[in-house]
Amino acid sequence: MILVDSSVWSHYFKGTIMAQSEMLDGVLGREPLANGDLMLKKVLPSFADERAFNQARKMLTSLTIVALGTESRESRGEKLPGTALRVGGRQARVRRGHEGRHLS
């Protein structure tokens, strides 16, 4: 499983050609990928367009989400709520613990 950094996602969505974004493009749908919860909080607010935001959110949250910004409360048996993001007056809810799925 590959944990993709927020800077790579940012370059990928902007269409910036660099080694990391090209590698990501090559492995999408072929290799299991993961996102960190903090990465979602950093990447999703960068979308000004509602349609692009929704498409990116759907893609990013379909991958395995790794809790990087929280203590491991899950290990103590606590249920973690989804992460609420506020983006340009919109609120998106991102839930932790999604199973990884390949993108087509």
C-alpha atoms as a PDB file:
ATOM      1  CA  MET A   1       0.000   0.000   0.000  1.00  0.00           C
ATOM      2  CA  ILE A   2       1.252   3.461  -0.917  1.00  0.00           C
ATOM      3  CA  LEU A   3       0.540   6.452   1.344  1.00  0.00           C
ATOM      4  CA  VAL A   4       0.303   9.477  -0.952  1.00  0.00           C
ATOM      5  CA  ASP A   5       1.481  12.835   0.404  1.00  0.00           C
ATOM      6  CA  SER A   6      -0.704  15.927   0.076  1.00  0.00           C
ATOM      7  CA  SER A   7       1.877  17.692  -2.111  1.00  0.00           C
ATOM      8  CA  VAL A   8       1.692  14.849  -4.638  1.00  0.00           C
ATOM      9  CA  TRP A   9      -2.122  15.031  -4.720  1.00  0.00           C
ATOM     10  CA  SER A  10      -1.956  18.817  -5.114  1.00  0.00           C
ATOM     11  CA  HIS A  11       0.402  18.554  -8.082  1.00  0.00           C
ATOM     12  CA  TYR A  12      -1.653  15.708  -9.569  1.00  0.00           C
ATOM     13  CA  PHE A  13      -4.932  17.662  -9.426  1.00  0.00           C
ATOM     14  CA  LYS A  14      -3.273  20.826 -10.796  1.00  0.00           C
ATOM     15  CA  GLY A  15      -1.820  18.819 -13.692  1.00  0.00           C
ATOM     16  CA  THR A  16       1.759  19.643 -12.706  1.00  0.00           C
ATOM     17  CA  ILE A  17       4.116  17.232 -14.406  1.00  0.00           C
ATOM     18  CA  MET A  18       6.731  15.929 -11.987  1.00  0.00           C
ATOM     19  CA  ALA A  19       8.069  12.468 -11.174  1.00  0.00           C
ATOM     20  CA  GLN A  20       5.777  11.943  -8.178  1.00  0.00           C
ATOM     21  CA  SER A  21       2.542  13.009  -9.887  1.00  0.00           C
ATOM     22  CA  GLU A  22       3.417  10.920 -12.949  1.00  0.00           C
ATOM     23  CA  MET A  23       4.050   7.908 -10.704  1.00  0.00           C
ATOM     24  CA  LEU A  24       0.698   8.478  -8.975  1.00  0.00           C
ATOM     25  CA  ASP A  25      -1.037   8.627 -12.347  1.00  0.00           C
ATOM     26  CA  GLY A  26       0.579   5.306 -13.255  1.00  0.00           C
ATOM     27  CA  VAL A  27      -0.459   3.468 -10.090  1.00  0.00           C
ATOM     28  CA  LEU A  28      -4.042   4.786  -9.746  1.00  0.00           C
ATOM     29  CA  GLY A  29      -6.332   1.799 -10.138  1.00  0.00           C
ATOM     30  CA  ARG A  30      -3.409  -0.631 -10.179  1.00  0.00           C
ATOM     31  CA  GLU A  31      -1.948  -0.410  -6.669  1.00  0.00           C
ATOM     32  CA  PRO A  32      -3.644   0.015  -3.282  1.00  0.00           C
ATOM     33  CA  LEU A  33      -3.343   3.652  -2.172  1.00  0.00           C
ATOM     34  CA  ALA A  34      -3.950   5.392   1.150  1.00  0.00           C
ATOM     35  CA  ASN A  35      -4.509   8.951   2.333  1.00  0.00           C
ATOM     36  CA  GLY A  36      -3.851  10.459   5.713  1.00  0.00           C
ATOM     37  CA  ASP A  37      -6.646  12.322   7.443  1.00  0.00           C
ATOM     38  CA  LEU A  38      -4.405  15.400   7.617  1.00  0.00           C
ATOM     39  CA  MET A  39      -3.736  15.156   3.889  1.00  0.00           C
ATOM     40  CA  LEU A  40      -7.467  15.328   3.182  1.00  0.00           C
ATOM     41  CA  LYS A  41      -7.729  18.437   5.340  1.00  0.00           C
ATOM     42  CA  LYS A  42      -4.941  20.034   3.341  1.00  0.00           C
ATOM     43  CA  VAL A  43      -5.893  19.006  -0.216  1.00  0.00           C
ATOM     44  CA  LEU A  44      -9.687  19.348  -0.288  1.00  0.00           C
ATOM     45  CA  PRO A  45      -9.862  23.020   0.766  1.00  0.00           C
ATOM     46  CA  SER A  46      -7.683  23.936  -2.234  1.00  0.00           C
ATOM     47  CA  PHE A  47     -10.600  23.375  -4.642  1.00  0.00           C
ATOM     48  CA  ALA A  48     -12.547  26.530  -5.473  1.00  0.00           C
ATOM     49  CA  ASP A  49     -14.879  24.803  -7.931  1.00  0.00           C
ATOM     50  CA  GLU A  50     -17.729  22.811  -6.308  1.00  0.00           C
ATOM     51  CA  ARG A  51     -17.782  20.110  -8.994  1.00  0.00           C
ATOM     52  CA  ALA A  52     -14.012  19.534  -8.854  1.00  0.00           C
ATOM     53  CA  PHE A  53     -14.178  19.507  -5.039  1.00  0.00           C
ATOM     54  CA  ASN A  54     -16.884  16.823  -5.063  1.00  0.00           C
ATOM     55  CA  GLN A  55     -15.008  14.689  -7.604  1.00  0.00           C
ATOM     56  CA  ALA A  56     -11.766  14.941  -5.634  1.00  0.00           C
ATOM     57  CA  ARG A  57     -13.532  14.185  -2.354  1.00  0.00           C
ATOM     58  CA  LYS A  58     -15.158  11.103  -3.870  1.00  0.00           C
ATOM     59  CA  MET A  59     -11.839   9.864  -5.235  1.00  0.00           C
ATOM     60  CA  LEU A  60      -9.784  10.608  -2.132  1.00  0.00           C
ATOM     61  CA  THR A  61     -12.253   9.174   0.369  1.00  0.00           C
ATOM     62  CA  SER A  62     -12.628   5.960  -1.643  1.00  0.00           C
ATOM     63  CA  LEU A  63      -9.069   5.089  -0.652  1.00  0.00           C
ATOM     64  CA  THR A  64      -7.937   3.767   2.716  1.00  0.00           C
ATOM     65  CA  ILE A  65      -7.865   6.645   5.213  1.00  0.00           C
ATOM     66  CA  VAL A  66      -5.060   6.534   7.785  1.00  0.00           C
ATOM     67  CA  ALA A  67      -5.490   8.467  11.037  1.00  0.00           C
ATOM     68  CA  LEU A  68      -2.309  10.517  11.253  1.00  0.00           C
ATOM     69  CA  GLY A  69      -3.553  13.561  13.133  1.00  0.00           C
ATOM     70  CA  THR A  70      -5.136  11.801  16.083  1.00  0.00           C
ATOM     71  CA  GLU A  71      -4.050   9.624  18.947  1.00  0.00           C
ATOM     72  CA  SER A  72      -4.782   5.997  18.405  1.00  0.00           C
ATOM     73  CA  ARG A  73      -8.110   6.109  20.206  1.00  0.00           C
ATOM     74  CA  GLU A  74      -9.232   3.283  17.970  1.00  0.00           C
ATOM     75  CA  SER A  75      -6.752   1.009  19.715  1.00  0.00           C
ATOM     76  CA  ARG A  76      -8.573   1.748  22.983  1.00  0.00           C
ATOM     77  CA  GLY A  77     -11.870   0.742  21.395  1.00  0.00           C
ATOM     78  CA  GLU A  78     -13.225   4.276  21.003  1.00  0.00           C
ATOM     79  CA  LYS A  79     -15.323   5.042  17.961  1.00  0.00           C
ATOM     80  CA  LEU A  80     -13.896   7.960  16.021  1.00  0.00           C
ATOM     81  CA  PRO A  81     -16.259  10.429  14.379  1.00  0.00           C
ATOM     82  CA  GLY A  82     -15.716  11.539  10.821  1.00  0.00           C
ATOM     83  CA  THR A  83     -13.551  14.559  10.189  1.00  0.00           C
ATOM     84  CA  ALA A  84     -15.542  17.669   9.303  1.00  0.00           C
ATOM     85  CA  LEU A  85     -13.960  19.997   6.780  1.00  0.00           C
ATOM     86  CA  ARG A  86     -15.188  23.491   6.001  1.00  0.00           C
ATOM     87  CA  VAL A  87     -14.393  24.533   2.447  1.00  0.00           C
ATOM     88  CA  GLY A  88     -15.564  27.890   1.146  1.00  0.00           C
ATOM     89  CA  GLY A  89     -18.719  27.854   3.243  1.00  0.00           C
ATOM     90  CA  ARG A  90     -19.413  24.187   2.456  1.00  0.00           C
ATOM     91  CA  GLN A  91     -19.002  21.432   4.972  1.00  0.00           C
ATOM     92  CA  ALA A  92     -17.803  17.997   3.939  1.00  0.00           C
ATOM     93  CA  ARG A  93     -17.707  15.003   6.196  1.00  0.00           C
ATOM     94  CA  VAL A  94     -14.846  12.555   5.734  1.00  0.00           C
ATOM     95  CA  ARG A  95     -15.107   9.285   7.593  1.00  0.00           C
ATOM     96  CA  ARG A  96     -12.169   7.284   8.798  1.00  0.00           C
ATOM     97  CA  GLY A  97     -11.702   3.581   8.207  1.00  0.00           C
ATOM     98  CA  HIS A  98     -12.806   3.247   4.581  1.00  0.00           C
ATOM     99  CA  GLU A  99     -11.622   0.057   2.943  1.00  0.00           C
ATOM    100  CA  GLY A 100      -9.251   0.647   0.055  1.00  0.00           C
ATOM    101  CA  ARG A 101     -10.819   0.282  -3.378  1.00  0.00           C
ATOM    102  CA  HIS A 102      -9.191   0.526  -6.756  1.00  0.00           C
ATOM    103  CA  LEU A 103     -10.190   3.480  -8.873  1.00  0.00           C
ATOM    104  CA  SER A 104     -11.222   2.811 -12.442  1.00  0.00           C
END
